[in-house]
C-alpha atoms as a PDB file:
ATOM      1  CA  MET A   1     135.227 -59.232 -88.284  1.00  0.00           C
ATOM      2  CA  ASP A   2     136.269 -62.533 -86.913  1.00  0.00           C
ATOM      3  CA  PHE A   3     138.698 -64.914 -88.704  1.00  0.00           C
ATOM      4  CA  GLU A   4     139.602 -68.435 -87.783  1.00  0.00           C
ATOM      5  CA  VAL A   5     143.365 -68.615 -87.543  1.00  0.00           C
ATOM      6  CA  SER A   6     144.588 -72.139 -87.574  1.00  0.00           C
ATOM      7  CA  ASP A   7     147.845 -73.186 -85.925  1.00  0.00           C
ATOM      8  CA  ILE A   8     150.702 -73.613 -88.461  1.00  0.00           C
ATOM      9  CA  ASP A   9     153.106 -76.477 -87.886  1.00  0.00           C
ATOM     10  CA  TYR A  10     156.301 -74.412 -88.016  1.00  0.00           C
ATOM     11  CA  GLU A  11     158.348 -77.324 -86.718  1.00  0.00           C
ATOM     12  CA  GLN A  12     158.254 -79.083 -90.196  1.00  0.00           C
ATOM     13  CA  TYR A  13     160.082 -76.142 -91.717  1.00  0.00           C
ATOM     14  CA  SER A  14     163.628 -75.039 -91.091  1.00  0.00           C
ATOM     15  CA  ASN A  15     164.427 -71.351 -90.513  1.00  0.00           C
ATOM     16  CA  ARG A  16     166.110 -71.241 -94.014  1.00  0.00           C
ATOM     17  CA  GLN A  17     162.872 -72.518 -95.525  1.00  0.00           C
ATOM     18  CA  LEU A  18     160.826 -69.978 -93.744  1.00  0.00           C
ATOM     19  CA  ALA A  19     163.146 -67.079 -94.627  1.00  0.00           C
ATOM     20  CA  LEU A  20     163.690 -68.120 -98.244  1.00  0.00           C
ATOM     21  CA  VAL A  21     160.360 -66.989 -99.758  1.00  0.00           C
ATOM     22  CA  PRO A  22     160.117 -63.503 -98.234  1.00  0.00           C
ATOM     23  CA  LEU A  23     163.819 -62.795 -98.949  1.00  0.00           C
ATOM     24  CA  ALA A  24     163.410 -63.972-102.550  1.00  0.00           C
ATOM     25  CA  ILE A  25     160.461 -61.783-103.047  1.00  0.00           C
ATOM     26  CA  LEU A  26     162.278 -58.789-101.519  1.00  0.00           C
ATOM     27  CA  GLY A  27     165.233 -59.500-103.891  1.00  0.00           C
ATOM     28  CA  VAL A  28     162.920 -59.531-106.892  1.00  0.00           C
ATOM     29  CA  ALA A  29     161.314 -56.237-105.737  1.00  0.00           C
ATOM     30  CA  LEU A  30     164.773 -54.563-105.298  1.00  0.00           C
ATOM     31  CA  LEU A  31     165.802 -55.814-108.751  1.00  0.00           C
ATOM     32  CA  VAL A  32     162.552 -54.230-110.246  1.00  0.00           C
ATOM     33  CA  ILE A  33     163.291 -50.995-108.602  1.00  0.00           C
ATOM     34  CA  ALA A  34     166.988 -51.072-109.675  1.00  0.00           C
ATOM     35  CA  VAL A  35     166.012 -51.754-113.276  1.00  0.00           C
ATOM     36  CA  TRP A  36     163.527 -48.965-113.199  1.00  0.00           C
ATOM     37  CA  TYR A  37     166.072 -46.595-111.895  1.00  0.00           C
ATOM     38  CA  VAL A  38     168.514 -47.560-114.691  1.00  0.00           C
ATOM     39  CA  MET A  39     165.886 -47.228-117.359  1.00  0.00           C
ATOM     40  CA  PHE A  40     164.222 -44.075-116.172  1.00  0.00           C
ATOM     41  CA  GLY A  41     166.487 -42.328-113.671  1.00  0.00           C
ATOM     42  CA  VAL A  42     164.033 -42.731-110.746  1.00  0.00           C
ATOM     43  CA  PRO A  43     163.164 -45.740-108.607  1.00  0.00           C
ATOM     44  CA  VAL A  44     159.478 -45.238-109.101  1.00  0.00           C
ATOM     45  CA  ASP A  45     157.319 -43.097-111.416  1.00  0.00           C
ATOM     46  CA  LEU A  46     156.739 -39.716-109.939  1.00  0.00           C
ATOM     47  CA  GLY A  47     153.430 -37.855-109.971  1.00  0.00           C
ATOM     48  CA  ILE A  48     153.012 -34.145-110.812  1.00  0.00           C
ATOM     49  CA  ALA A  49     153.472 -33.165-107.164  1.00  0.00           C
ATOM     50  CA  PHE A  50     157.110 -34.305-107.419  1.00  0.00           C
ATOM     51  CA  THR A  51     157.961 -33.442-110.986  1.00  0.00           C
ATOM     52  CA  GLY A  52     156.124 -30.220-111.715  1.00  0.00           C
ATOM     53  CA  GLY A  53     153.868 -29.723-114.554  1.00  0.00           C
ATOM     54  CA  THR A  54     150.377 -28.318-115.340  1.00  0.00           C
ATOM     55  CA  GLU A  55     146.935 -29.106-114.134  1.00  0.00           C
ATOM     56  CA  VAL A  56     143.870 -28.225-116.236  1.00  0.00           C
ATOM     57  CA  ARG A  57     140.547 -28.380-114.381  1.00  0.00           C
ATOM     58  CA  PHE A  58     137.395 -28.458-116.439  1.00  0.00           C
ATOM     59  CA  THR A  59     133.783 -29.533-116.353  1.00  0.00           C
ATOM     60  CA  ALA A  60     132.013 -31.838-118.744  1.00  0.00           C
ATOM     61  CA  ASP A  61     128.790 -33.820-118.915  1.00  0.00           C
ATOM     62  CA  ASP A  62     130.582 -36.927-120.325  1.00  0.00           C
ATOM     63  CA  GLY A  63     131.875 -39.764-118.147  1.00  0.00           C
ATOM     64  CA  LEU A  64     135.616 -40.286-117.415  1.00  0.00           C
ATOM     65  CA  SER A  65     136.092 -42.849-120.275  1.00  0.00           C
ATOM     66  CA  GLU A  66     134.395 -40.536-122.858  1.00  0.00           C
ATOM     67  CA  VAL A  67     136.606 -37.644-121.656  1.00  0.00           C
ATOM     68  CA  ARG A  68     139.731 -39.725-122.051  1.00  0.00           C
ATOM     69  CA  GLU A  69     138.640 -40.841-125.450  1.00  0.00           C
ATOM     70  CA  THR A  70     137.827 -37.281-126.589  1.00  0.00           C
ATOM     71  CA  LEU A  71     141.174 -35.908-125.401  1.00  0.00           C
ATOM     72  CA  GLY A  72     143.171 -39.014-126.423  1.00  0.00           C
ATOM     73  CA  GLU A  73     145.016 -37.229-129.150  1.00  0.00           C
ATOM     74  CA  THR A  74     146.402 -34.598-126.981  1.00  0.00           C
ATOM     75  CA  GLU A  75     149.573 -34.737-124.856  1.00  0.00           C
ATOM     76  CA  TYR A  76     148.633 -35.446-121.118  1.00  0.00           C
ATOM     77  CA  ASP A  77     149.644 -37.790-118.355  1.00  0.00           C
ATOM     78  CA  SER A  78     146.385 -38.482-116.581  1.00  0.00           C
ATOM     79  CA  ILE A  79     142.752 -37.451-116.241  1.00  0.00           C
ATOM     80  CA  GLN A  80     140.857 -38.002-113.032  1.00  0.00           C
ATOM     81  CA  SER A  81     137.365 -37.050-111.913  1.00  0.00           C
ATOM     82  CA  THR A  82     136.634 -35.364-108.614  1.00  0.00           C
ATOM     83  CA  ALA A  83     134.221 -36.731-106.052  1.00  0.00           C
ATOM     84  CA  GLY A  84     130.749 -36.309-107.257  1.00  0.00           C
ATOM     85  CA  GLY A  85     131.594 -36.267-110.889  1.00  0.00           C
ATOM     86  CA  GLY A  86     131.256 -33.593-113.463  1.00  0.00           C
ATOM     87  CA  THR A  87     134.654 -31.964-112.752  1.00  0.00           C
ATOM     88  CA  PHE A  88     137.890 -33.356-114.196  1.00  0.00           C
ATOM     89  CA  ILE A  89     141.612 -32.782-113.482  1.00  0.00           C
ATOM     90  CA  LEU A  90     144.067 -33.326-116.377  1.00  0.00           C
ATOM     91  CA  THR A  91     147.795 -33.341-115.638  1.00  0.00           C
ATOM     92  CA  THR A  92     150.477 -32.857-118.221  1.00  0.00           C
ATOM     93  CA  GLN A  93     154.253 -32.299-118.393  1.00  0.00           C
ATOM     94  CA  ALA A  94     153.746 -30.072-121.449  1.00  0.00           C
ATOM     95  CA  GLU A  95     154.373 -26.322-120.680  1.00  0.00           C
ATOM     96  CA  ASP A  96     151.965 -25.160-123.495  1.00  0.00           C
ATOM     97  CA  THR A  97     148.481 -26.451-122.920  1.00  0.00           C
ATOM     98  CA  THR A  98     146.871 -24.546-125.805  1.00  0.00           C
ATOM     99  CA  THR A  99     146.230 -27.719-127.669  1.00  0.00           C
ATOM    100  CA  ILE A 100     144.464 -29.389-124.749  1.00  0.00           C
ATOM    101  CA  GLU A 101     142.425 -26.413-123.949  1.00  0.00           C
ATOM    102  CA  THR A 102     141.347 -26.056-127.571  1.00  0.00           C
ATOM    103  CA  ALA A 103     140.333 -29.753-127.839  1.00  0.00           C
ATOM    104  CA  ALA A 104     138.445 -29.453-124.536  1.00  0.00           C
ATOM    105  CA  GLU A 105     136.457 -26.366-125.636  1.00  0.00           C
ATOM    106  CA  GLU A 106     135.764 -27.888-129.051  1.00  0.00           C
ATOM    107  CA  ALA A 107     134.156 -30.843-127.170  1.00  0.00           C
ATOM    108  CA  GLY A 108     131.927 -28.488-125.192  1.00  0.00           C
ATOM    109  CA  TYR A 109     133.905 -28.747-122.006  1.00  0.00           C
ATOM    110  CA  GLU A 110     134.258 -25.701-119.823  1.00  0.00           C
ATOM    111  CA  ILE A 111     137.786 -24.714-118.573  1.00  0.00           C
ATOM    112  CA  GLU A 112     137.660 -23.697-114.899  1.00  0.00           C
ATOM    113  CA  GLN A 113     141.345 -23.409-114.051  1.00  0.00           C
ATOM    114  CA  VAL A 114     144.863 -23.845-115.432  1.00  0.00           C
ATOM    115  CA  GLN A 115     147.590 -24.150-112.769  1.00  0.00           C
ATOM    116  CA  GLN A 116     151.254 -24.816-113.175  1.00  0.00           C
ATOM    117  CA  ARG A 117     153.714 -26.243-110.714  1.00  0.00           C
ATOM    118  CA  SER A 118     157.329 -25.591-111.187  1.00  0.00           C
ATOM    119  CA  ALA A 119     160.027 -28.223-111.249  1.00  0.00           C
ATOM    120  CA  THR A 120     161.697 -26.536-108.341  1.00  0.00           C
ATOM    121  CA  PHE A 121     158.512 -27.015-106.276  1.00  0.00           C
ATOM    122  CA  GLY A 122     158.373 -30.638-107.314  1.00  0.00           C
ATOM    123  CA  THR A 123     162.040 -31.190-106.319  1.00  0.00           C
ATOM    124  CA  ASN A 124     161.294 -29.637-102.845  1.00  0.00           C
ATOM    125  CA  SER A 125     158.303 -31.991-102.508  1.00  0.00           C
ATOM    126  CA  GLN A 126     160.507 -34.936-103.372  1.00  0.00           C
ATOM    127  CA  GLN A 127     162.979 -34.034-100.700  1.00  0.00           C
ATOM    128  CA  GLN A 128     160.355 -33.470 -98.052  1.00  0.00           C
ATOM    129  CA  ALA A 129     158.655 -36.759 -98.816  1.00  0.00           C
ATOM    130  CA  LEU A 130     161.920 -38.709 -98.736  1.00  0.00           C
ATOM    131  CA  LEU A 131     162.842 -36.910 -95.469  1.00  0.00           C
ATOM    132  CA  GLY A 132     159.533 -37.946 -94.029  1.00  0.00           C
ATOM    133  CA  LEU A 133     160.116 -41.562 -94.973  1.00  0.00           C
ATOM    134  CA  VAL A 134     163.636 -41.522 -93.611  1.00  0.00           C
ATOM    135  CA  VAL A 135     162.615 -39.988 -90.316  1.00  0.00           C
ATOM    136  CA  ALA A 136     159.732 -42.350 -89.815  1.00  0.00           C
ATOM    137  CA  PHE A 137     161.874 -45.354 -90.562  1.00  0.00           C
ATOM    138  CA  VAL A 138     164.825 -44.237 -88.382  1.00  0.00           C
ATOM    139  CA  GLY A 139     162.446 -43.340 -85.583  1.00  0.00           C
ATOM    140  CA  MET A 140     160.796 -46.791 -85.867  1.00  0.00           C
ATOM    141  CA  SER A 141     164.265 -48.495 -85.800  1.00  0.00           C
ATOM    142  CA  THR A 142     165.412 -46.596 -82.820  1.00  0.00           C
ATOM    143  CA  LEU A 143     162.162 -47.357 -80.867  1.00  0.00           C
ATOM    144  CA  VAL A 144     162.493 -51.017 -81.693  1.00  0.00           C
ATOM    145  CA  PHE A 145     166.154 -51.212 -80.569  1.00  0.00           C
ATOM    146  CA  VAL A 146     165.200 -49.370 -77.296  1.00  0.00           C
ATOM    147  CA  LEU A 147     162.397 -51.750 -76.648  1.00  0.00           C
ATOM    148  CA  PHE A 148     164.192 -55.081 -77.170  1.00  0.00           C
ATOM    149  CA  ARG A 149     167.889 -54.070 -76.790  1.00  0.00           C
ATOM    150  CA  THR A 150     169.027 -57.281 -78.592  1.00  0.00           C
ATOM    151  CA  PHE A 151     170.142 -57.345 -82.149  1.00  0.00           C
ATOM    152  CA  ILE A 152     168.402 -60.198 -83.918  1.00  0.00           C
ATOM    153  CA  PRO A 153     164.724 -59.497 -82.673  1.00  0.00           C
ATOM    154  CA  SER A 154     165.280 -55.751 -83.416  1.00  0.00           C
ATOM    155  CA  ILE A 155     166.725 -56.328 -86.962  1.00  0.00           C
ATOM    156  CA  ALA A 156     163.883 -58.741 -87.689  1.00  0.00           C
ATOM    157  CA  VAL A 157     161.391 -55.876 -87.222  1.00  0.00           C
ATOM    158  CA  VAL A 158     163.530 -53.420 -89.245  1.00  0.00           C
ATOM    159  CA  VAL A 159     163.956 -55.843 -92.187  1.00  0.00           C
ATOM    160  CA  SER A 160     160.301 -56.762 -92.146  1.00  0.00           C
ATOM    161  CA  ALA A 161     159.352 -53.081 -92.261  1.00  0.00           C
ATOM    162  CA  PHE A 162     161.750 -52.358 -94.961  1.00  0.00           C
ATOM    163  CA  SER A 163     160.405 -55.199 -97.150  1.00  0.00           C
ATOM    164  CA  ASP A 164     156.836 -54.070 -96.511  1.00  0.00           C
ATOM    165  CA  ILE A 165     157.751 -50.729 -98.178  1.00  0.00           C
ATOM    166  CA  VAL A 166     159.949 -52.030-101.024  1.00  0.00           C
ATOM    167  CA  ILE A 167     157.472 -54.621-102.311  1.00  0.00           C
ATOM    168  CA  PRO A 168     154.630 -52.128-102.853  1.00  0.00           C
ATOM    169  CA  LEU A 169     157.081 -49.673-104.542  1.00  0.00           C
ATOM    170  CA  ALA A 170     158.067 -52.442-107.027  1.00  0.00           C
ATOM    171  CA  LEU A 171     154.413 -53.363-107.665  1.00  0.00           C
ATOM    172  CA  MET A 172     153.612 -49.639-108.309  1.00  0.00           C
ATOM    173  CA  ASN A 173     156.186 -49.757-111.102  1.00  0.00           C
ATOM    174  CA  VAL A 174     154.774 -52.963-112.544  1.00  0.00           C
ATOM    175  CA  LEU A 175     151.107 -51.582-112.377  1.00  0.00           C
ATOM    176  CA  ASP A 176     152.075 -48.073-113.518  1.00  0.00           C
ATOM    177  CA  ILE A 177     150.968 -46.328-110.317  1.00  0.00           C
ATOM    178  CA  PRO A 178     152.878 -43.050-109.944  1.00  0.00           C
ATOM    179  CA  LEU A 179     154.172 -41.864-106.535  1.00  0.00           C
ATOM    180  CA  THR A 180     151.880 -39.159-105.221  1.00  0.00           C
ATOM    181  CA  LEU A 181     151.449 -37.483-101.932  1.00  0.00           C
ATOM    182  CA  GLY A 182     148.740 -39.869-101.169  1.00  0.00           C
ATOM    183  CA  ALA A 183     151.132 -42.836-102.001  1.00  0.00           C
ATOM    184  CA  VAL A 184     153.700 -41.371 -99.630  1.00  0.00           C
ATOM    185  CA  ALA A 185     151.040 -41.273 -96.883  1.00  0.00           C
ATOM    186  CA  ALA A 186     150.170 -44.887 -97.544  1.00  0.00           C
ATOM    187  CA  LEU A 187     153.855 -45.872 -97.300  1.00  0.00           C
ATOM    188  CA  LEU A 188     154.109 -44.097 -93.931  1.00  0.00           C
ATOM    189  CA  MET A 189     151.015 -45.966 -92.788  1.00  0.00           C
ATOM    190  CA  LEU A 190     152.673 -49.275 -93.781  1.00  0.00           C
ATOM    191  CA  VAL A 191     155.509 -48.521 -91.396  1.00  0.00           C
ATOM    192  CA  GLY A 192     153.092 -48.161 -88.517  1.00  0.00           C
ATOM    193  CA  TYR A 193     151.184 -51.354 -89.558  1.00  0.00           C
ATOM    194  CA  SER A 194     154.456 -53.329 -89.927  1.00  0.00           C
ATOM    195  CA  VAL A 195     155.844 -52.273 -86.632  1.00  0.00           C
ATOM    196  CA  ASP A 196     152.607 -52.960 -84.891  1.00  0.00           C
ATOM    197  CA  SER A 197     152.374 -56.579 -86.073  1.00  0.00           C
ATOM    198  CA  ASP A 198     156.055 -57.330 -85.643  1.00  0.00           C
ATOM    199  CA  ILE A 199     156.303 -55.905 -82.077  1.00  0.00           C
ATOM    200  CA  LEU A 200     153.075 -57.850 -81.149  1.00  0.00           C
ATOM    201  CA  LEU A 201     154.881 -61.112 -82.241  1.00  0.00           C
ATOM    202  CA  ASN A 202     158.275 -60.282 -80.629  1.00  0.00           C
ATOM    203  CA  ASN A 203     156.692 -59.198 -77.451  1.00  0.00           C
ATOM    204  CA  HIS A 204     154.556 -62.416 -76.982  1.00  0.00           C
ATOM    205  CA  ILE A 205     157.599 -64.632 -77.762  1.00  0.00           C
ATOM    206  CA  LEU A 206     160.254 -62.783 -75.906  1.00  0.00           C
ATOM    207  CA  ARG A 207     158.343 -61.312 -72.859  1.00  0.00           C
ATOM    208  CA  ARG A 208     155.243 -63.441 -72.275  1.00  0.00           C
ATOM    209  CA  ARG A 209     155.106 -66.754 -70.438  1.00  0.00           C
ATOM    210  CA  GLY A 210     154.752 -70.030 -72.283  1.00  0.00           C
ATOM    211  CA  GLY A 211     156.728 -71.924 -74.896  1.00  0.00           C
ATOM    212  CA  PHE A 212     157.878 -70.487 -78.182  1.00  0.00           C
ATOM    213  CA  TYR A 213     155.068 -71.974 -80.354  1.00  0.00           C
ATOM    214  CA  GLU A 214     152.302 -71.295 -77.787  1.00  0.00           C
ATOM    215  CA  SER A 215     153.316 -67.676 -77.546  1.00  0.00           C
ATOM    216  CA  ALA A 216     153.655 -67.372 -81.365  1.00  0.00           C
ATOM    217  CA  TYR A 217     150.085 -68.794 -81.891  1.00  0.00           C
ATOM    218  CA  ARG A 218     148.659 -66.356 -79.391  1.00  0.00           C
ATOM    219  CA  ALA A 219     150.204 -63.430 -81.188  1.00  0.00           C
ATOM    220  CA  MET A 220     149.118 -64.868 -84.614  1.00  0.00           C
ATOM    221  CA  ARG A 221     145.465 -65.057 -83.670  1.00  0.00           C
ATOM    222  CA  THR A 222     145.486 -61.364 -82.772  1.00  0.00           C
ATOM    223  CA  GLY A 223     147.908 -60.190 -85.499  1.00  0.00           C
ATOM    224  CA  ILE A 224     146.495 -62.012 -88.417  1.00  0.00           C
ATOM    225  CA  THR A 225     142.954 -61.104 -87.549  1.00  0.00           C
ATOM    226  CA  MET A 226     143.986 -57.455 -87.272  1.00  0.00           C
ATOM    227  CA  THR A 227     145.834 -57.424 -90.552  1.00  0.00           C
ATOM    228  CA  LEU A 228     143.186 -59.361 -92.567  1.00  0.00           C
ATOM    229  CA  THR A 229     140.500 -56.958 -91.225  1.00  0.00           C
ATOM    230  CA  SER A 230     142.636 -53.985 -92.433  1.00  0.00           C
ATOM    231  CA  ILE A 231     143.157 -55.670 -95.833  1.00  0.00           C
ATOM    232  CA  ALA A 232     139.391 -56.267 -96.225  1.00  0.00           C
ATOM    233  CA  ALA A 233     138.702 -52.647 -95.357  1.00  0.00           C
ATOM    234  CA  MET A 234     141.258 -51.438 -97.913  1.00  0.00           C
ATOM    235  CA  VAL A 235     139.853 -53.664-100.583  1.00  0.00           C
ATOM    236  CA  VAL A 236     136.321 -52.268 -99.989  1.00  0.00           C
ATOM    237  CA  MET A 237     137.666 -48.722-100.028  1.00  0.00           C
ATOM    238  CA  THR A 238     139.500 -49.326-103.233  1.00  0.00           C
ATOM    239  CA  ILE A 239     136.436 -50.794-105.000  1.00  0.00           C
ATOM    240  CA  VAL A 240     134.121 -48.010-103.768  1.00  0.00           C
ATOM    241  CA  ALA A 241     136.588 -45.302-104.618  1.00  0.00           C
ATOM    242  CA  THR A 242     137.126 -46.755-108.112  1.00  0.00           C
ATOM    243  CA  PHE A 243     133.327 -47.078-108.724  1.00  0.00           C
ATOM    244  CA  PHE A 244     132.703 -43.512-107.697  1.00  0.00           C
ATOM    245  CA  GLU A 245     135.837 -42.278-109.446  1.00  0.00           C
ATOM    246  CA  ILE A 246     137.252 -40.634-106.289  1.00  0.00           C
ATOM    247  CA  PRO A 247     140.888 -39.558-106.972  1.00  0.00           C
ATOM    248  CA  LEU A 248     143.856 -40.784-104.967  1.00  0.00           C
ATOM    249  CA  LEU A 249     141.870 -43.280-102.776  1.00  0.00           C
ATOM    250  CA  PRO A 250     142.103 -46.265-105.180  1.00  0.00           C
ATOM    251  CA  GLU A 251     145.898 -45.945-105.359  1.00  0.00           C
ATOM    252  CA  ILE A 252     146.200 -45.529-101.542  1.00  0.00           C
ATOM    253  CA  GLY A 253     144.009 -48.579-101.063  1.00  0.00           C
ATOM    254  CA  LEU A 254     145.964 -50.685-103.504  1.00  0.00           C
ATOM    255  CA  ILE A 255     149.298 -49.810-101.938  1.00  0.00           C
ATOM    256  CA  LEU A 256     148.021 -50.690 -98.474  1.00  0.00           C
ATOM    257  CA  VAL A 257     146.669 -54.037 -99.651  1.00  0.00           C
ATOM    258  CA  PHE A 258     150.070 -54.825-101.305  1.00  0.00           C
ATOM    259  CA  GLY A 259     151.941 -53.799 -98.199  1.00  0.00           C
ATOM    260  CA  LEU A 260     149.615 -55.472 -95.645  1.00  0.00           C
ATOM    261  CA  THR A 261     149.771 -58.698 -97.674  1.00  0.00           C
ATOM    262  CA  ALA A 262     153.501 -58.515 -97.625  1.00  0.00           C
ATOM    263  CA  ASP A 263     153.486 -57.831 -93.976  1.00  0.00           C
ATOM    264  CA  LEU A 264     151.647 -61.155 -93.338  1.00  0.00           C
ATOM    265  CA  MET A 265     154.503 -63.003 -95.141  1.00  0.00           C
ATOM    266  CA  ASN A 266     157.291 -61.037 -93.586  1.00  0.00           C
ATOM    267  CA  THR A 267     155.938 -61.115 -90.060  1.00  0.00           C
ATOM    268  CA  TYR A 268     154.936 -64.897 -89.813  1.00  0.00           C
ATOM    269  CA  MET A 269     157.814 -66.239 -92.053  1.00  0.00           C
ATOM    270  CA  LEU A 270     160.834 -64.036 -92.042  1.00  0.00           C
ATOM    271  CA  ASN A 271     160.441 -62.451 -88.558  1.00  0.00           C
ATOM    272  CA  MET A 272     159.334 -65.847 -87.138  1.00  0.00           C
ATOM    273  CA  SER A 273     162.372 -67.597 -88.537  1.00  0.00           C
ATOM    274  CA  LEU A 274     164.769 -65.023 -87.054  1.00  0.00           C
ATOM    275  CA  LEU A 275     163.055 -65.200 -83.634  1.00  0.00           C
ATOM    276  CA  ARG A 276     163.240 -68.963 -83.636  1.00  0.00           C
ATOM    277  CA  TYR A 277     166.902 -68.805 -84.549  1.00  0.00           C
ATOM    278  CA  TYR A 278     167.512 -66.343 -81.723  1.00  0.00           C
ATOM    279  CA  LYS A 279     165.600 -68.362 -79.262  1.00  0.00           C
ATOM    280  CA  TYR A 280     167.094 -71.819 -79.916  1.00  0.00           C
ATOM    281  CA  GLU A 281     170.428 -71.249 -81.816  1.00  0.00           C
ATOM    282  CA  GLY A 282     171.416 -67.712 -81.139  1.00  0.00           C
ATOM    283  CA  VAL A 283     172.595 -65.811 -78.078  1.00  0.00           C
ATOM    284  CA  ALA A 284     169.362 -66.546 -76.232  1.00  0.00           C
ATOM    285  CA  LYS A 285     170.207 -70.327 -76.148  1.00  0.00           C
END
């Protein structure tokens, strides 16, 4: 895909003006996560992989909407269909699934498997997922500081990557998307996407020949095209996965769309303002 990336007249905006919007959105996202933590005890809703619970797998000739309507009176958290249709996975926090199984059997559904996940297993999964995110973020931060060896350009990349993760987490709360193992994978991918676009911009401005804006525009033509192509691909994946009722992929696609959109803002507004400050007003002056 080829996008026409026009040059933006950055000179008509001050560094504070450029940084204000992404920092304000980051502040709102942090506020949403903080309120969610105060209200529910967790920064984001957790899926069954992190909380423990029971999965009931069954087959039915009805569609997903009909199955949800049929079992709507029972106590369950979510119902998803598997790829190909016909088989459904119901998750619930209730220890006793007798009511659910009875309602399913009365509707003519065939129970294939009932599997329980302990709360201890969910806690271990939480710790491993958190450790994975922390290791990825620390590793990314270390690599950035080793590459540039100066504080402001390095911290610009780190703050941008942090915002790219926080904003999708806040939107997950707003849109009632639980944190699953697939969502954790999407967040880890966002770390890579964010570092890629930010290092591309930093490298062009700090290490390539040419003036500040000339170097910035060269990086933008590559970076924006790359990010918009990824967003378009994720939108298509989300639509197709939703249409064919493929589990996990719609949530992963949405999270990546949120994060990549935030990355455009953070890279070419927040990161750009910090780099310009460093180049003209900071220690590089």
